[in-house]
Amino acid sequence: MELIKKTNEKLFLAMITEQCLRDIEDVDFLVVQLSMNKADIKKEFECAVSKMKNSINDFRMELASQIDQEYIYINGLLGDLEMELKDGSCRTNEMILIQMKNILKKLSNVENEIEKDIAIIKLACQFTFASFKVCLQFEILEKNLKKGKTVITAKYNDEIINAFEKTNGLIHKIPEKEKRHTMKWEGFMNEINTSYLHLKKAVHCL
């Protein structure tokens, strides 16, 4: 694998790291708000859906600028996902649970298709992390709806701290890696994935 040398690629990696940090902050904020009964489930669901729509639009633009006909099928799957996201307004908790399940199914179809093409995997990087985040948000909302409350556990706090520390550590390492020309895409993504794994473990501990 060639070393990452282009300035725009370096900026992209920095942007991905910052996105990871924001995702951790957003998920943690949602958990804290729910634990204090200060979050409205319907509004949080609608906000997550709205951001997912934006991620789809951004991903489409990226695909269109880089790939000709290869992305037609995946574009169709994105269309299916969009239809699910537009599927009316959820007025009850039961409707929210049903729509979340349907959205996750369509989202899984898109991600499975992305994983078949190495070229698209890199283009889909931001979309994939946005998808991961919305899956965790839906899991948090579902647990709250089914349990009637969100309780922050010690294990949750430990994993959230691990996620923050891992990501902040990577942010500080990027300039040094650039200076030494030792930054590789696979290694970078492995470190980012570790941060998201800690975030996932945290949510599972609720």
Protein backbone atom coordinates (compact mmCIF):
# COMPACT_ATOMS: atom_id res chain seq x y z
CA MET A 1 0.00 0.00 0.00
CA GLU A 2 1.47 3.36 -1.02
CA LEU A 3 2.05 5.98 1.63
CA ILE A 4 -0.53 8.74 1.73
CA LYS A 5 1.22 11.78 0.28
CA LYS A 6 -1.38 14.10 -1.22
CA THR A 7 -2.42 17.10 0.83
CA ASN A 8 -6.12 16.57 0.13
CA GLU A 9 -5.84 13.00 1.42
CA LYS A 10 -4.18 14.21 4.61
CA LEU A 11 -6.95 16.73 5.10
CA PHE A 12 -9.49 13.98 4.48
CA LEU A 13 -7.98 11.80 7.20
CA ALA A 14 -8.06 14.73 9.62
CA MET A 15 -11.69 15.33 8.69
CA ILE A 16 -12.55 11.67 9.32
CA THR A 17 -10.92 11.82 12.75
CA GLU A 18 -12.85 14.96 13.64
CA GLN A 19 -16.05 13.29 12.48
CA CYS A 20 -15.30 10.34 14.74
CA LEU A 21 -14.84 12.67 17.70
CA ARG A 22 -18.13 14.45 16.95
CA ASP A 23 -19.92 11.12 16.63
CA ILE A 24 -18.69 10.04 20.06
CA GLU A 25 -19.77 13.37 21.52
CA ASP A 26 -23.21 13.17 19.88
CA VAL A 27 -23.87 9.61 21.04
CA ASP A 28 -22.71 10.38 24.58
CA PHE A 29 -24.84 13.53 24.68
CA LEU A 30 -27.92 11.56 23.60
CA VAL A 31 -27.30 8.97 26.32
CA VAL A 32 -26.83 11.62 29.00
CA GLN A 33 -29.96 13.53 27.93
CA LEU A 34 -32.06 10.36 27.94
CA SER A 35 -30.70 9.34 31.34
CA MET A 36 -31.94 12.66 32.74
CA ASN A 37 -35.27 12.44 30.87
CA LYS A 38 -34.41 15.59 28.94
CA ALA A 39 -34.62 14.14 25.42
CA ASP A 40 -37.73 13.69 23.28
CA ILE A 41 -37.61 10.29 21.55
CA LYS A 42 -39.56 11.45 18.49
CA LYS A 43 -37.39 14.53 17.97
CA GLU A 44 -34.18 12.56 18.42
CA PHE A 45 -35.37 9.98 15.91
CA GLU A 46 -36.32 12.65 13.38
CA CYS A 47 -32.96 14.39 13.85
CA ALA A 48 -31.08 11.14 13.22
CA VAL A 49 -33.16 10.49 10.10
CA SER A 50 -32.53 14.01 8.79
CA LYS A 51 -28.76 13.64 9.19
CA MET A 52 -28.87 10.26 7.48
CA LYS A 53 -30.58 11.89 4.49
CA ASN A 54 -27.77 14.44 4.31
CA SER A 55 -25.20 11.64 4.41
CA ILE A 56 -26.91 9.92 1.49
CA ASN A 57 -26.81 13.12 -0.57
CA ASP A 58 -23.12 13.64 0.19
CA PHE A 59 -22.33 10.02 -0.69
CA ARG A 60 -24.22 10.30 -3.99
CA MET A 61 -22.24 13.40 -4.92
CA GLU A 62 -18.98 11.62 -4.11
CA LEU A 63 -19.95 8.60 -6.20
CA ALA A 64 -21.06 10.73 -9.13
CA SER A 65 -17.78 12.65 -9.15
CA GLN A 66 -15.56 9.57 -9.07
CA ILE A 67 -17.37 6.65 -10.71
CA ASP A 68 -19.31 6.39 -13.99
CA GLN A 69 -21.71 3.46 -14.36
CA GLU A 70 -20.40 1.20 -11.60
CA TYR A 71 -22.48 2.79 -8.89
CA ILE A 72 -25.91 2.45 -10.55
CA TYR A 73 -26.94 -0.54 -8.43
CA ILE A 74 -25.77 0.97 -5.16
CA ASN A 75 -27.56 4.19 -6.12
CA GLY A 76 -30.76 2.15 -6.38
CA LEU A 77 -30.21 0.79 -2.87
CA LEU A 78 -29.67 4.33 -1.63
CA GLY A 79 -33.00 5.21 -3.23
CA ASP A 80 -34.69 2.38 -1.32
CA LEU A 81 -33.15 3.68 1.89
CA GLU A 82 -34.33 7.20 1.13
CA MET A 83 -37.89 5.98 0.61
CA GLU A 84 -37.78 4.34 4.03
CA LEU A 85 -36.48 7.54 5.58
CA LYS A 86 -39.36 9.48 4.00
CA ASP A 87 -41.98 6.97 5.11
CA GLY A 88 -44.29 9.42 6.85
CA SER A 89 -44.17 10.85 10.34
CA CYS A 90 -43.99 8.44 13.26
CA ARG A 91 -46.68 9.46 15.72
CA THR A 92 -46.25 6.68 18.28
CA ASN A 93 -43.36 4.83 19.90
CA GLU A 94 -44.49 1.63 18.19
CA MET A 95 -44.29 3.34 14.79
CA ILE A 96 -40.80 4.61 15.60
CA LEU A 97 -39.61 1.10 16.48
CA ILE A 98 -41.04 -0.31 13.26
CA GLN A 99 -39.52 2.39 11.08
CA MET A 100 -36.13 2.08 12.78
CA LYS A 101 -36.16 -1.65 12.03
CA ASN A 102 -37.04 -1.01 8.37
CA ILE A 103 -34.38 1.68 8.00
CA LEU A 104 -31.70 -0.56 9.48
CA LYS A 105 -32.62 -3.32 7.03
CA LYS A 106 -32.25 -1.00 4.03
CA LEU A 107 -29.06 0.44 5.49
CA SER A 108 -27.61 -3.05 5.82
CA ASN A 109 -28.32 -3.67 2.12
CA VAL A 110 -26.34 -0.57 1.18
CA GLU A 111 -23.40 -1.42 3.44
CA ASN A 112 -23.26 -5.00 2.13
CA GLU A 113 -23.01 -3.67 -1.42
CA ILE A 114 -20.32 -1.16 -0.45
CA GLU A 115 -18.17 -3.93 1.00
CA LYS A 116 -18.05 -5.72 -2.37
CA ASP A 117 -15.95 -2.99 -4.01
CA ILE A 118 -12.64 -1.79 -2.55
CA ALA A 119 -12.81 1.45 -4.56
CA ILE A 120 -16.24 2.30 -3.18
CA ILE A 121 -15.24 1.41 0.39
CA LYS A 122 -12.92 4.41 0.51
CA LEU A 123 -15.42 6.73 -1.16
CA ALA A 124 -18.07 5.56 1.30
CA CYS A 125 -15.92 6.15 4.37
CA GLN A 126 -17.90 9.08 5.75
CA PHE A 127 -21.22 7.49 4.83
CA THR A 128 -20.23 4.24 6.54
CA PHE A 129 -19.36 6.02 9.77
CA ALA A 130 -22.59 8.03 9.58
CA SER A 131 -24.46 4.74 9.16
CA PHE A 132 -22.65 3.25 12.14
CA LYS A 133 -23.59 6.27 14.24
CA VAL A 134 -27.29 6.14 13.33
CA CYS A 135 -27.36 2.41 14.12
CA LEU A 136 -26.05 3.16 17.61
CA GLN A 137 -28.51 6.03 18.04
CA PHE A 138 -31.37 3.74 17.07
CA GLU A 139 -30.12 1.10 19.50
CA ILE A 140 -30.07 3.68 22.30
CA LEU A 141 -33.58 4.90 21.46
CA GLU A 142 -34.90 1.34 21.20
CA LYS A 143 -33.46 0.41 24.59
CA ASN A 144 -34.99 3.52 26.13
CA LEU A 145 -38.40 2.79 24.63
CA LYS A 146 -38.39 -0.85 25.71
CA LYS A 147 -36.92 -0.32 29.19
CA GLY A 148 -38.65 2.97 29.85
CA LYS A 149 -35.38 4.62 30.87
CA THR A 150 -31.68 4.93 30.08
CA VAL A 151 -29.23 4.09 32.86
CA ILE A 152 -25.56 4.97 32.47
CA THR A 153 -23.37 2.14 33.76
CA ALA A 154 -19.75 2.13 34.90
CA LYS A 155 -18.82 -0.02 31.90
CA TYR A 156 -20.47 2.53 29.60
CA ASN A 157 -18.35 5.30 31.10
CA ASP A 158 -15.18 3.22 30.76
CA GLU A 159 -15.76 2.53 27.07
CA ILE A 160 -16.74 6.13 26.29
CA ILE A 161 -13.52 7.31 27.92
CA ASN A 162 -11.59 4.76 25.86
CA ALA A 163 -13.26 6.02 22.69
CA PHE A 164 -12.42 9.65 23.45
CA GLU A 165 -8.84 8.87 24.43
CA LYS A 166 -8.21 6.73 21.35
CA THR A 167 -9.58 9.41 19.00
CA ASN A 168 -7.83 12.33 20.68
CA GLY A 169 -4.61 10.34 20.62
CA LEU A 170 -5.00 9.79 16.89
CA ILE A 171 -5.65 13.50 16.32
CA HIS A 172 -2.35 14.32 18.00
CA LYS A 173 -0.50 11.61 16.09
CA ILE A 174 -1.58 12.73 12.60
CA PRO A 175 0.95 15.63 12.29
CA GLU A 176 3.82 13.40 13.46
CA LYS A 177 2.84 10.59 11.11
CA GLU A 178 2.73 13.09 8.24
CA LYS A 179 6.14 14.43 9.20
CA ARG A 180 7.65 10.94 9.19
CA HIS A 181 5.69 9.87 6.09
CA THR A 182 4.43 6.81 7.94
CA MET A 183 0.70 7.31 7.47
CA LYS A 184 -1.02 4.47 5.64
CA TRP A 185 -4.71 4.20 4.88
CA GLU A 186 -5.22 0.73 6.35
CA GLY A 187 -3.40 1.55 9.57
CA PHE A 188 -5.27 4.81 9.97
CA MET A 189 -8.65 3.16 9.42
CA ASN A 190 -7.82 0.40 11.88
CA GLU A 191 -7.22 3.03 14.56
CA ILE A 192 -10.44 4.87 13.73
CA ASN A 193 -12.37 1.60 13.76
CA THR A 194 -11.01 0.92 17.24
CA SER A 195 -12.53 4.20 18.43
CA TYR A 196 -15.90 3.28 16.96
CA LEU A 197 -15.63 -0.19 18.50
CA HIS A 198 -15.23 1.35 21.95
CA LEU A 199 -18.29 3.50 21.21
CA LYS A 200 -20.27 0.42 20.18
CA LYS A 201 -19.22 -1.43 23.34
CA ALA A 202 -20.31 1.56 25.42
CA VAL A 203 -23.81 1.52 23.93
CA HIS A 204 -24.06 -2.23 24.44
CA CYS A 205 -23.35 -1.65 28.15
CA LEU A 206 -26.46 0.49 28.67
